[in-house]
Amino acid sequence: MGKNKVSLEVVSKYINDNLAEILLKLDVPLAQLQYFSIKKQLPKYFEENKKFDVSFNVGEYTDIGAIDHISGHLNFFAGLAEKHKNIKINFMTKSPNLTSLLKAKCDNRVLVTIGFNPQSVIDKYEHGTYSLKERIATAKQVQKKGDINLKLEIEPIIFIPDYEKEYIKLIRKLLKELDVNKISKITMGGIRLAADYRGIIPQYFPDTDLLDMHMEKPDVSYDRYRYPLEERVDIYLKLIAEIKNHCDCEIGLGAETPELWEAINFDAAKAMSKNFFQYLDPNGDE
């Protein structure tokens, strides 16, 4: 084993020995029964999750396509996917600069997630990013490639005037211009802001009206400011219905809460089970 590698046994033992401290740092509010249940099941977590391919996201905070002409990261990660057959990589981008990836042999183990928003939202809130037209053109290139999976990500949903009509119109446009049979998944998520961001955003965008919108304060420190639950439920249900009018694509939600899942009858445990083994609480519920 190389000097930069560590065995599952070592990782499992470390987590087992330091679980209380780890959960404390994460600010996870667990009852004593839940804590001991998690600790007892740790060996099972590792055994079950060994059955899945290693998968990871690239570009969640920095658009990997937008800086690839500087970094060359796309070619590097595509090479990893070619070399290691048990790896799956999700590239997240709003950029058309995917040349290196489009030349690589991806074998359907690469997923490209392209973020979409109405053009009015892009103009007002996604400064310096590519247009809706350019993003759709990129999605078409990915579909034409044939051995890359495509996910459409409709987020952050921002409550602009007539936002319901704007987002429904966006979905109709996407599903009309793209081949719905070559869309692996569609996810959506409302804007969510960490408490720290509410202080940072005005420093860079003093004229933004984003912080004037009504958002509920999170109950726990690791959660985010979000639109009220009822409003999120309403827009999700309408967008899900619109998607189902056009295709049978798998639908997911971006970083939502259990209360929201329950309100729209979204089976989060089932959705997650395709990628990893999920924790079972003491009552047997996922």
C-alpha atoms as a PDB file:
ATOM      1  CA  MET A   1       0.000   0.000   0.000  1.00  0.00           C
ATOM      2  CA  GLY A   2       1.433   3.398  -1.004  1.00  0.00           C
ATOM      3  CA  LYS A   3       2.382   6.021   1.546  1.00  0.00           C
ATOM      4  CA  ASN A   4      -0.594   8.196   0.567  1.00  0.00           C
ATOM      5  CA  LYS A   5      -3.133   5.378   0.862  1.00  0.00           C
ATOM      6  CA  VAL A   6      -5.001   4.204   3.939  1.00  0.00           C
ATOM      7  CA  SER A   7      -6.960   1.006   4.485  1.00  0.00           C
ATOM      8  CA  LEU A   8     -10.675   0.858   5.211  1.00  0.00           C
ATOM      9  CA  GLU A   9      -9.863  -0.836   8.501  1.00  0.00           C
ATOM     10  CA  VAL A  10      -7.755   2.132   9.620  1.00  0.00           C
ATOM     11  CA  VAL A  11     -10.460   4.613   8.596  1.00  0.00           C
ATOM     12  CA  SER A  12     -13.162   2.582  10.334  1.00  0.00           C
ATOM     13  CA  LYS A  13     -11.135   2.385  13.546  1.00  0.00           C
ATOM     14  CA  TYR A  14     -10.384   6.112  13.489  1.00  0.00           C
ATOM     15  CA  ILE A  15     -14.050   7.032  13.075  1.00  0.00           C
ATOM     16  CA  ASN A  16     -15.090   4.529  15.724  1.00  0.00           C
ATOM     17  CA  ASP A  17     -12.555   5.889  18.226  1.00  0.00           C
ATOM     18  CA  ASN A  18     -13.349   9.542  17.516  1.00  0.00           C
ATOM     19  CA  LEU A  19     -17.050   9.466  16.620  1.00  0.00           C
ATOM     20  CA  ALA A  20     -18.237  11.653  19.497  1.00  0.00           C
ATOM     21  CA  GLU A  21     -15.704  14.373  18.684  1.00  0.00           C
ATOM     22  CA  ILE A  22     -16.503  14.194  14.949  1.00  0.00           C
ATOM     23  CA  LEU A  23     -20.244  14.576  15.530  1.00  0.00           C
ATOM     24  CA  LEU A  24     -19.620  17.402  17.996  1.00  0.00           C
ATOM     25  CA  LYS A  25     -17.554  19.320  15.434  1.00  0.00           C
ATOM     26  CA  LEU A  26     -20.275  18.771  12.831  1.00  0.00           C
ATOM     27  CA  ASP A  27     -22.839  20.118  15.316  1.00  0.00           C
ATOM     28  CA  VAL A  28     -25.058  17.094  14.683  1.00  0.00           C
ATOM     29  CA  PRO A  29     -27.798  16.937  17.359  1.00  0.00           C
ATOM     30  CA  LEU A  30     -28.073  13.210  18.152  1.00  0.00           C
ATOM     31  CA  ALA A  31     -29.770  11.483  21.056  1.00  0.00           C
ATOM     32  CA  GLN A  32     -27.676   8.978  23.000  1.00  0.00           C
ATOM     33  CA  LEU A  33     -29.517   6.041  21.437  1.00  0.00           C
ATOM     34  CA  GLN A  34     -28.765   7.321  17.931  1.00  0.00           C
ATOM     35  CA  TYR A  35     -25.096   7.805  18.792  1.00  0.00           C
ATOM     36  CA  PHE A  36     -24.618   4.232  19.981  1.00  0.00           C
ATOM     37  CA  SER A  37     -26.627   2.915  17.030  1.00  0.00           C
ATOM     38  CA  ILE A  38     -24.333   4.703  14.565  1.00  0.00           C
ATOM     39  CA  LYS A  39     -21.233   3.452  16.350  1.00  0.00           C
ATOM     40  CA  LYS A  40     -22.516  -0.123  16.368  1.00  0.00           C
ATOM     41  CA  GLN A  41     -23.275  -0.037  12.636  1.00  0.00           C
ATOM     42  CA  LEU A  42     -19.971   1.495  11.471  1.00  0.00           C
ATOM     43  CA  PRO A  43     -18.499  -1.838  10.307  1.00  0.00           C
ATOM     44  CA  LYS A  44     -21.667  -2.498   8.318  1.00  0.00           C
ATOM     45  CA  TYR A  45     -21.461   0.947   6.677  1.00  0.00           C
ATOM     46  CA  PHE A  46     -18.002   0.186   5.346  1.00  0.00           C
ATOM     47  CA  GLU A  47     -18.900  -3.308   4.151  1.00  0.00           C
ATOM     48  CA  GLU A  48     -22.036  -2.124   2.349  1.00  0.00           C
ATOM     49  CA  ASN A  49     -20.418   0.924   0.782  1.00  0.00           C
ATOM     50  CA  LYS A  50     -17.523  -1.153  -0.565  1.00  0.00           C
ATOM     51  CA  LYS A  51     -20.050  -2.520  -3.068  1.00  0.00           C
ATOM     52  CA  PHE A  52     -20.359   0.855  -4.801  1.00  0.00           C
ATOM     53  CA  ASP A  53     -17.975   2.481  -7.239  1.00  0.00           C
ATOM     54  CA  VAL A  54     -16.001   5.415  -5.911  1.00  0.00           C
ATOM     55  CA  SER A  55     -17.770   8.588  -7.039  1.00  0.00           C
ATOM     56  CA  PHE A  56     -17.085  12.241  -6.419  1.00  0.00           C
ATOM     57  CA  ASN A  57     -18.084  15.713  -7.560  1.00  0.00           C
ATOM     58  CA  VAL A  58     -15.689  18.151  -9.211  1.00  0.00           C
ATOM     59  CA  GLY A  59     -16.604  21.812  -9.586  1.00  0.00           C
ATOM     60  CA  GLU A  60     -19.183  22.424  -6.894  1.00  0.00           C
ATOM     61  CA  TYR A  61     -17.557  25.662  -5.735  1.00  0.00           C
ATOM     62  CA  THR A  62     -15.309  26.499  -8.694  1.00  0.00           C
ATOM     63  CA  ASP A  63     -16.571  25.950 -12.231  1.00  0.00           C
ATOM     64  CA  ILE A  64     -14.065  23.429 -13.591  1.00  0.00           C
ATOM     65  CA  GLY A  65     -14.967  24.145 -17.218  1.00  0.00           C
ATOM     66  CA  ALA A  66     -14.549  27.898 -16.865  1.00  0.00           C
ATOM     67  CA  ILE A  67     -10.944  27.618 -15.646  1.00  0.00           C
ATOM     68  CA  ASP A  68      -9.846  24.541 -17.596  1.00  0.00           C
ATOM     69  CA  HIS A  69      -7.797  26.602 -20.052  1.00  0.00           C
ATOM     70  CA  ILE A  70      -5.667  27.560 -17.039  1.00  0.00           C
ATOM     71  CA  SER A  71      -5.780  24.435 -14.891  1.00  0.00           C
ATOM     72  CA  GLY A  72      -6.092  21.533 -17.335  1.00  0.00           C
ATOM     73  CA  HIS A  73      -8.092  19.694 -14.683  1.00  0.00           C
ATOM     74  CA  LEU A  74     -10.653  18.228 -17.078  1.00  0.00           C
ATOM     75  CA  ASN A  75      -8.002  16.257 -18.920  1.00  0.00           C
ATOM     76  CA  PHE A  76      -6.505  15.060 -15.630  1.00  0.00           C
ATOM     77  CA  PHE A  77      -9.794  13.818 -14.187  1.00  0.00           C
ATOM     78  CA  ALA A  78     -10.912  12.319 -17.494  1.00  0.00           C
ATOM     79  CA  GLY A  79      -7.641  10.384 -17.455  1.00  0.00           C
ATOM     80  CA  LEU A  80      -8.481   9.046 -14.003  1.00  0.00           C
ATOM     81  CA  ALA A  81     -11.844   7.832 -15.253  1.00  0.00           C
ATOM     82  CA  GLU A  82     -10.187   6.114 -18.227  1.00  0.00           C
ATOM     83  CA  LYS A  83      -7.568   4.422 -16.068  1.00  0.00           C
ATOM     84  CA  HIS A  84      -9.642   3.382 -13.052  1.00  0.00           C
ATOM     85  CA  LYS A  85     -12.772   1.473 -14.029  1.00  0.00           C
ATOM     86  CA  ASN A  86     -14.291   1.687 -10.544  1.00  0.00           C
ATOM     87  CA  ILE A  87     -14.368   5.492 -10.519  1.00  0.00           C
ATOM     88  CA  LYS A  88     -17.303   7.705 -11.459  1.00  0.00           C
ATOM     89  CA  ILE A  89     -16.860  11.462 -11.724  1.00  0.00           C
ATOM     90  CA  ASN A  90     -19.491  14.198 -11.771  1.00  0.00           C
ATOM     91  CA  PHE A  91     -18.288  17.423 -13.405  1.00  0.00           C
ATOM     92  CA  MET A  92     -20.421  20.415 -12.391  1.00  0.00           C
ATOM     93  CA  THR A  93     -20.322  23.411 -14.704  1.00  0.00           C
ATOM     94  CA  LYS A  94     -22.105  26.270 -16.438  1.00  0.00           C
ATOM     95  CA  SER A  95     -19.368  26.587 -19.039  1.00  0.00           C
ATOM     96  CA  PRO A  96     -19.107  25.401 -22.666  1.00  0.00           C
ATOM     97  CA  ASN A  97     -15.351  24.868 -22.316  1.00  0.00           C
ATOM     98  CA  LEU A  98     -15.403  21.066 -22.141  1.00  0.00           C
ATOM     99  CA  THR A  99     -13.089  20.302 -25.078  1.00  0.00           C
ATOM    100  CA  SER A 100     -10.754  17.986 -23.141  1.00  0.00           C
ATOM    101  CA  LEU A 101     -13.643  16.000 -21.746  1.00  0.00           C
ATOM    102  CA  LEU A 102     -15.376  15.686 -25.095  1.00  0.00           C
ATOM    103  CA  LYS A 103     -12.212  14.100 -26.537  1.00  0.00           C
ATOM    104  CA  ALA A 104     -11.810  11.569 -23.722  1.00  0.00           C
ATOM    105  CA  LYS A 105     -13.054   7.989 -23.576  1.00  0.00           C
ATOM    106  CA  CYS A 106     -15.632   8.218 -20.805  1.00  0.00           C
ATOM    107  CA  ASP A 107     -17.475   4.865 -20.974  1.00  0.00           C
ATOM    108  CA  ASN A 108     -20.582   6.304 -19.304  1.00  0.00           C
ATOM    109  CA  ARG A 109     -18.683   6.674 -16.044  1.00  0.00           C
ATOM    110  CA  VAL A 110     -18.563  10.447 -16.360  1.00  0.00           C
ATOM    111  CA  LEU A 111     -21.520  12.658 -15.525  1.00  0.00           C
ATOM    112  CA  VAL A 112     -21.701  16.277 -16.615  1.00  0.00           C
ATOM    113  CA  THR A 113     -24.056  18.375 -14.512  1.00  0.00           C
ATOM    114  CA  ILE A 114     -24.974  21.664 -16.164  1.00  0.00           C
ATOM    115  CA  GLY A 115     -26.606  24.392 -14.090  1.00  0.00           C
ATOM    116  CA  PHE A 116     -29.559  26.191 -15.640  1.00  0.00           C
ATOM    117  CA  ASN A 117     -31.596  29.261 -14.786  1.00  0.00           C
ATOM    118  CA  PRO A 118     -33.894  31.609 -16.695  1.00  0.00           C
ATOM    119  CA  GLN A 119     -31.874  34.184 -18.620  1.00  0.00           C
ATOM    120  CA  SER A 120     -33.280  36.957 -16.415  1.00  0.00           C
ATOM    121  CA  VAL A 121     -31.825  35.239 -13.329  1.00  0.00           C
ATOM    122  CA  ILE A 122     -28.486  34.682 -15.077  1.00  0.00           C
ATOM    123  CA  ASP A 123     -28.312  38.369 -16.016  1.00  0.00           C
ATOM    124  CA  LYS A 124     -29.166  39.628 -12.541  1.00  0.00           C
ATOM    125  CA  TYR A 125     -27.544  37.131 -10.188  1.00  0.00           C
ATOM    126  CA  GLU A 126     -25.068  34.917 -12.073  1.00  0.00           C
ATOM    127  CA  HIS A 127     -22.671  37.654 -13.124  1.00  0.00           C
ATOM    128  CA  GLY A 128     -20.028  36.760 -15.675  1.00  0.00           C
ATOM    129  CA  THR A 129     -21.410  33.301 -16.410  1.00  0.00           C
ATOM    130  CA  TYR A 130     -22.492  31.871 -19.736  1.00  0.00           C
ATOM    131  CA  SER A 131     -25.914  32.480 -21.257  1.00  0.00           C
ATOM    132  CA  LEU A 132     -28.793  30.033 -21.229  1.00  0.00           C
ATOM    133  CA  LYS A 133     -28.326  29.558 -24.978  1.00  0.00           C
ATOM    134  CA  GLU A 134     -24.651  28.631 -24.521  1.00  0.00           C
ATOM    135  CA  ARG A 135     -25.454  26.205 -21.710  1.00  0.00           C
ATOM    136  CA  ILE A 136     -28.068  24.436 -23.832  1.00  0.00           C
ATOM    137  CA  ALA A 137     -25.562  24.188 -26.683  1.00  0.00           C
ATOM    138  CA  THR A 138     -23.094  22.578 -24.266  1.00  0.00           C
ATOM    139  CA  ALA A 139     -25.711  20.060 -23.148  1.00  0.00           C
ATOM    140  CA  LYS A 140     -26.311  19.155 -26.788  1.00  0.00           C
ATOM    141  CA  GLN A 141     -22.582  18.535 -27.268  1.00  0.00           C
ATOM    142  CA  VAL A 142     -22.535  16.224 -24.251  1.00  0.00           C
ATOM    143  CA  GLN A 143     -25.519  14.282 -25.591  1.00  0.00           C
ATOM    144  CA  LYS A 144     -23.906  14.020 -29.018  1.00  0.00           C
ATOM    145  CA  LYS A 145     -20.713  12.592 -27.473  1.00  0.00           C
ATOM    146  CA  GLY A 146     -22.664   9.490 -26.508  1.00  0.00           C
ATOM    147  CA  ASP A 147     -20.588   8.079 -23.645  1.00  0.00           C
ATOM    148  CA  ILE A 148     -21.116  10.891 -21.129  1.00  0.00           C
ATOM    149  CA  ASN A 149     -24.175  11.063 -18.895  1.00  0.00           C
ATOM    150  CA  LEU A 150     -25.987  14.395 -18.622  1.00  0.00           C
ATOM    151  CA  LYS A 151     -27.745  15.850 -15.606  1.00  0.00           C
ATOM    152  CA  LEU A 152     -29.711  19.091 -15.703  1.00  0.00           C
ATOM    153  CA  GLU A 153     -29.514  21.127 -12.513  1.00  0.00           C
ATOM    154  CA  ILE A 154     -32.148  23.821 -12.101  1.00  0.00           C
ATOM    155  CA  GLU A 155     -30.757  25.865  -9.264  1.00  0.00           C
ATOM    156  CA  PRO A 156     -30.488  28.056  -7.439  1.00  0.00           C
ATOM    157  CA  ILE A 157     -34.179  28.762  -7.886  1.00  0.00           C
ATOM    158  CA  ILE A 158     -34.626  32.445  -7.047  1.00  0.00           C
ATOM    159  CA  PHE A 159     -38.018  34.037  -6.496  1.00  0.00           C
ATOM    160  CA  ILE A 160     -37.914  36.740  -9.132  1.00  0.00           C
ATOM    161  CA  PRO A 161     -41.195  38.340 -10.285  1.00  0.00           C
ATOM    162  CA  ASP A 162     -43.356  35.673 -11.980  1.00  0.00           C
ATOM    163  CA  TYR A 163     -40.800  33.034 -10.989  1.00  0.00           C
ATOM    164  CA  GLU A 164     -43.287  30.175 -11.385  1.00  0.00           C
ATOM    165  CA  LYS A 165     -43.927  31.056 -15.021  1.00  0.00           C
ATOM    166  CA  GLU A 166     -40.228  31.676 -15.670  1.00  0.00           C
ATOM    167  CA  TYR A 167     -39.087  28.307 -14.307  1.00  0.00           C
ATOM    168  CA  ILE A 168     -41.877  26.379 -16.004  1.00  0.00           C
ATOM    169  CA  LYS A 169     -40.927  28.102 -19.267  1.00  0.00           C
ATOM    170  CA  LEU A 170     -37.300  27.126 -18.650  1.00  0.00           C
ATOM    171  CA  ILE A 171     -38.199  23.459 -18.196  1.00  0.00           C
ATOM    172  CA  ARG A 172     -40.283  23.454 -21.358  1.00  0.00           C
ATOM    173  CA  LYS A 173     -37.427  25.014 -23.319  1.00  0.00           C
ATOM    174  CA  LEU A 174     -34.849  22.530 -22.019  1.00  0.00           C
ATOM    175  CA  LEU A 175     -36.980  19.467 -22.642  1.00  0.00           C
ATOM    176  CA  LYS A 176     -37.952  20.688 -26.099  1.00  0.00           C
ATOM    177  CA  GLU A 177     -34.422  21.445 -27.290  1.00  0.00           C
ATOM    178  CA  LEU A 178     -32.646  18.469 -25.696  1.00  0.00           C
ATOM    179  CA  ASP A 179     -33.098  14.743 -26.265  1.00  0.00           C
ATOM    180  CA  VAL A 180     -35.096  13.679 -23.199  1.00  0.00           C
ATOM    181  CA  ASN A 181     -33.959  10.083 -23.709  1.00  0.00           C
ATOM    182  CA  LYS A 182     -30.369  11.168 -23.069  1.00  0.00           C
ATOM    183  CA  ILE A 183     -30.965  12.979 -19.787  1.00  0.00           C
ATOM    184  CA  SER A 184     -29.840  10.924 -16.802  1.00  0.00           C
ATOM    185  CA  LYS A 185     -31.457  13.086 -14.160  1.00  0.00           C
ATOM    186  CA  ILE A 186     -32.987  16.486 -13.439  1.00  0.00           C
ATOM    187  CA  THR A 187     -32.413  18.085 -10.053  1.00  0.00           C
ATOM    188  CA  MET A 188     -33.747  21.320  -8.642  1.00  0.00           C
ATOM    189  CA  GLY A 189     -33.085  23.347  -5.538  1.00  0.00           C
ATOM    190  CA  GLY A 190     -34.023  26.676  -4.056  1.00  0.00           C
ATOM    191  CA  ILE A 191     -31.364  29.173  -3.087  1.00  0.00           C
ATOM    192  CA  ARG A 192     -29.888  28.548   0.360  1.00  0.00           C
ATOM    193  CA  LEU A 193     -27.471  30.837   2.137  1.00  0.00           C
ATOM    194  CA  ALA A 194     -25.103  30.098   4.994  1.00  0.00           C
ATOM    195  CA  ALA A 195     -25.266  32.680   7.760  1.00  0.00           C
ATOM    196  CA  ASP A 196     -21.722  33.835   6.957  1.00  0.00           C
ATOM    197  CA  TYR A 197     -22.676  34.556   3.358  1.00  0.00           C
ATOM    198  CA  ARG A 198     -25.277  37.081   4.462  1.00  0.00           C
ATOM    199  CA  GLY A 199     -22.435  39.222   5.728  1.00  0.00           C
ATOM    200  CA  ILE A 200     -20.073  38.596   2.828  1.00  0.00           C
ATOM    201  CA  ILE A 201     -22.446  39.084  -0.118  1.00  0.00           C
ATOM    202  CA  PRO A 202     -23.061  42.849   0.438  1.00  0.00           C
ATOM    203  CA  GLN A 203     -19.296  43.456   0.436  1.00  0.00           C
ATOM    204  CA  TYR A 204     -19.059  42.278  -3.166  1.00  0.00           C
ATOM    205  CA  PHE A 205     -22.577  43.058  -4.395  1.00  0.00           C
ATOM    206  CA  PRO A 206     -23.759  46.089  -2.389  1.00  0.00           C
ATOM    207  CA  ASP A 207     -26.752  46.690  -4.660  1.00  0.00           C
ATOM    208  CA  THR A 208     -28.131  43.140  -4.597  1.00  0.00           C
ATOM    209  CA  ASP A 209     -31.713  42.598  -3.510  1.00  0.00           C
ATOM    210  CA  LEU A 210     -31.068  38.942  -2.708  1.00  0.00           C
ATOM    211  CA  LEU A 211     -30.914  39.530   1.034  1.00  0.00           C
ATOM    212  CA  ASP A 212     -34.166  41.505   0.970  1.00  0.00           C
ATOM    213  CA  MET A 213     -36.105  38.356   0.089  1.00  0.00           C
ATOM    214  CA  HIS A 214     -37.949  36.639   2.909  1.00  0.00           C
ATOM    215  CA  MET A 215     -35.967  33.614   4.052  1.00  0.00           C
ATOM    216  CA  GLU A 216     -36.364  31.625   7.230  1.00  0.00           C
ATOM    217  CA  LYS A 217     -33.522  31.459   9.730  1.00  0.00           C
ATOM    218  CA  PRO A 218     -32.203  27.899  10.158  1.00  0.00           C
ATOM    219  CA  ASP A 219     -32.831  26.010  13.387  1.00  0.00           C
ATOM    220  CA  VAL A 220     -29.294  24.610  13.518  1.00  0.00           C
ATOM    221  CA  SER A 221     -25.975  26.239  12.721  1.00  0.00           C
ATOM    222  CA  TYR A 222     -25.017  23.913   9.854  1.00  0.00           C
ATOM    223  CA  ASP A 223     -28.251  24.548   7.922  1.00  0.00           C
ATOM    224  CA  ARG A 224     -28.989  27.471   5.602  1.00  0.00           C
ATOM    225  CA  TYR A 225     -31.367  30.387   5.232  1.00  0.00           C
ATOM    226  CA  ARG A 226     -34.112  29.252   2.843  1.00  0.00           C
ATOM    227  CA  TYR A 227     -37.445  30.352   1.447  1.00  0.00           C
ATOM    228  CA  PRO A 228     -40.385  29.267   3.661  1.00  0.00           C
ATOM    229  CA  LEU A 229     -41.223  25.563   3.481  1.00  0.00           C
ATOM    230  CA  GLU A 230     -44.690  26.097   2.005  1.00  0.00           C
ATOM    231  CA  GLU A 231     -43.318  28.197  -0.851  1.00  0.00           C
ATOM    232  CA  ARG A 232     -40.622  25.655  -1.658  1.00  0.00           C
ATOM    233  CA  VAL A 233     -43.141  22.820  -1.626  1.00  0.00           C
ATOM    234  CA  ASP A 234     -45.383  24.745  -4.010  1.00  0.00           C
ATOM    235  CA  ILE A 235     -42.718  25.488  -6.626  1.00  0.00           C
ATOM    236  CA  TYR A 236     -41.217  21.982  -6.479  1.00  0.00           C
ATOM    237  CA  LEU A 237     -44.573  20.299  -7.000  1.00  0.00           C
ATOM    238  CA  LYS A 238     -45.321  22.524  -9.989  1.00  0.00           C
ATOM    239  CA  LEU A 239     -41.929  21.960 -11.590  1.00  0.00           C
ATOM    240  CA  ILE A 240     -42.042  18.210 -10.985  1.00  0.00           C
ATOM    241  CA  ALA A 241     -45.478  18.058 -12.616  1.00  0.00           C
ATOM    242  CA  GLU A 242     -44.163  20.002 -15.609  1.00  0.00           C
ATOM    243  CA  ILE A 243     -41.176  17.685 -16.019  1.00  0.00           C
ATOM    244  CA  LYS A 244     -43.433  14.633 -15.897  1.00  0.00           C
ATOM    245  CA  ASN A 245     -45.539  16.143 -18.685  1.00  0.00           C
ATOM    246  CA  HIS A 246     -42.526  15.867 -20.994  1.00  0.00           C
ATOM    247  CA  CYS A 247     -40.413  12.901 -19.897  1.00  0.00           C
ATOM    248  CA  ASP A 248     -39.849  10.069 -17.446  1.00  0.00           C
ATOM    249  CA  CYS A 249     -36.508  11.453 -16.274  1.00  0.00           C
ATOM    250  CA  GLU A 250     -35.341  10.731 -12.757  1.00  0.00           C
ATOM    251  CA  ILE A 251     -35.956  13.780 -10.554  1.00  0.00           C
ATOM    252  CA  GLY A 252     -33.903  14.846  -7.545  1.00  0.00           C
ATOM    253  CA  LEU A 253     -33.685  17.687  -5.047  1.00  0.00           C
ATOM    254  CA  GLY A 254     -30.617  19.713  -4.147  1.00  0.00           C
ATOM    255  CA  ALA A 255     -29.683  19.818  -0.433  1.00  0.00           C
ATOM    256  CA  GLU A 256     -33.232  19.899   0.877  1.00  0.00           C
ATOM    257  CA  THR A 257     -34.597  19.076   4.326  1.00  0.00           C
ATOM    258  CA  PRO A 258     -36.444  15.962   5.573  1.00  0.00           C
ATOM    259  CA  GLU A 259     -39.512  18.139   6.184  1.00  0.00           C
ATOM    260  CA  LEU A 260     -39.549  19.083   2.514  1.00  0.00           C
ATOM    261  CA  TRP A 261     -39.037  15.488   1.395  1.00  0.00           C
ATOM    262  CA  GLU A 262     -42.026  14.413   3.445  1.00  0.00           C
ATOM    263  CA  ALA A 263     -44.209  17.278   2.235  1.00  0.00           C
ATOM    264  CA  ILE A 264     -43.817  16.302  -1.434  1.00  0.00           C
ATOM    265  CA  ASN A 265     -43.601  12.527  -0.834  1.00  0.00           C
ATOM    266  CA  PHE A 266     -40.011  12.372  -2.045  1.00  0.00           C
ATOM    267  CA  ASP A 267     -38.295   9.093  -1.177  1.00  0.00           C
ATOM    268  CA  ALA A 268     -34.836  10.416  -0.362  1.00  0.00           C
ATOM    269  CA  ALA A 269     -33.616   7.109   1.046  1.00  0.00           C
ATOM    270  CA  LYS A 270     -34.456   5.329  -2.200  1.00  0.00           C
ATOM    271  CA  ALA A 271     -32.725   8.007  -4.249  1.00  0.00           C
ATOM    272  CA  MET A 272     -29.562   7.853  -2.147  1.00  0.00           C
ATOM    273  CA  SER A 273     -29.457   4.054  -2.091  1.00  0.00           C
ATOM    274  CA  LYS A 274     -28.262   4.037  -5.712  1.00  0.00           C
ATOM    275  CA  ASN A 275     -24.974   5.608  -4.687  1.00  0.00           C
ATOM    276  CA  PHE A 276     -24.263   4.588  -1.095  1.00  0.00           C
ATOM    277  CA  PHE A 277     -25.547   2.691   1.912  1.00  0.00           C
ATOM    278  CA  GLN A 278     -27.483   5.056   4.152  1.00  0.00           C
ATOM    279  CA  TYR A 279     -27.613   5.211   7.928  1.00  0.00           C
ATOM    280  CA  LEU A 280     -30.579   3.492   9.573  1.00  0.00           C
ATOM    281  CA  ASP A 281     -31.846   5.075  12.783  1.00  0.00           C
ATOM    282  CA  PRO A 282     -32.729   3.000  15.877  1.00  0.00           C
ATOM    283  CA  ASN A 283     -36.353   2.763  14.760  1.00  0.00           C
ATOM    284  CA  GLY A 284     -35.362   1.201  11.453  1.00  0.00           C
ATOM    285  CA  ASP A 285     -36.226   4.253   9.340  1.00  0.00           C
ATOM    286  CA  GLU A 286     -33.718   5.557   6.801  1.00  0.00           C
END
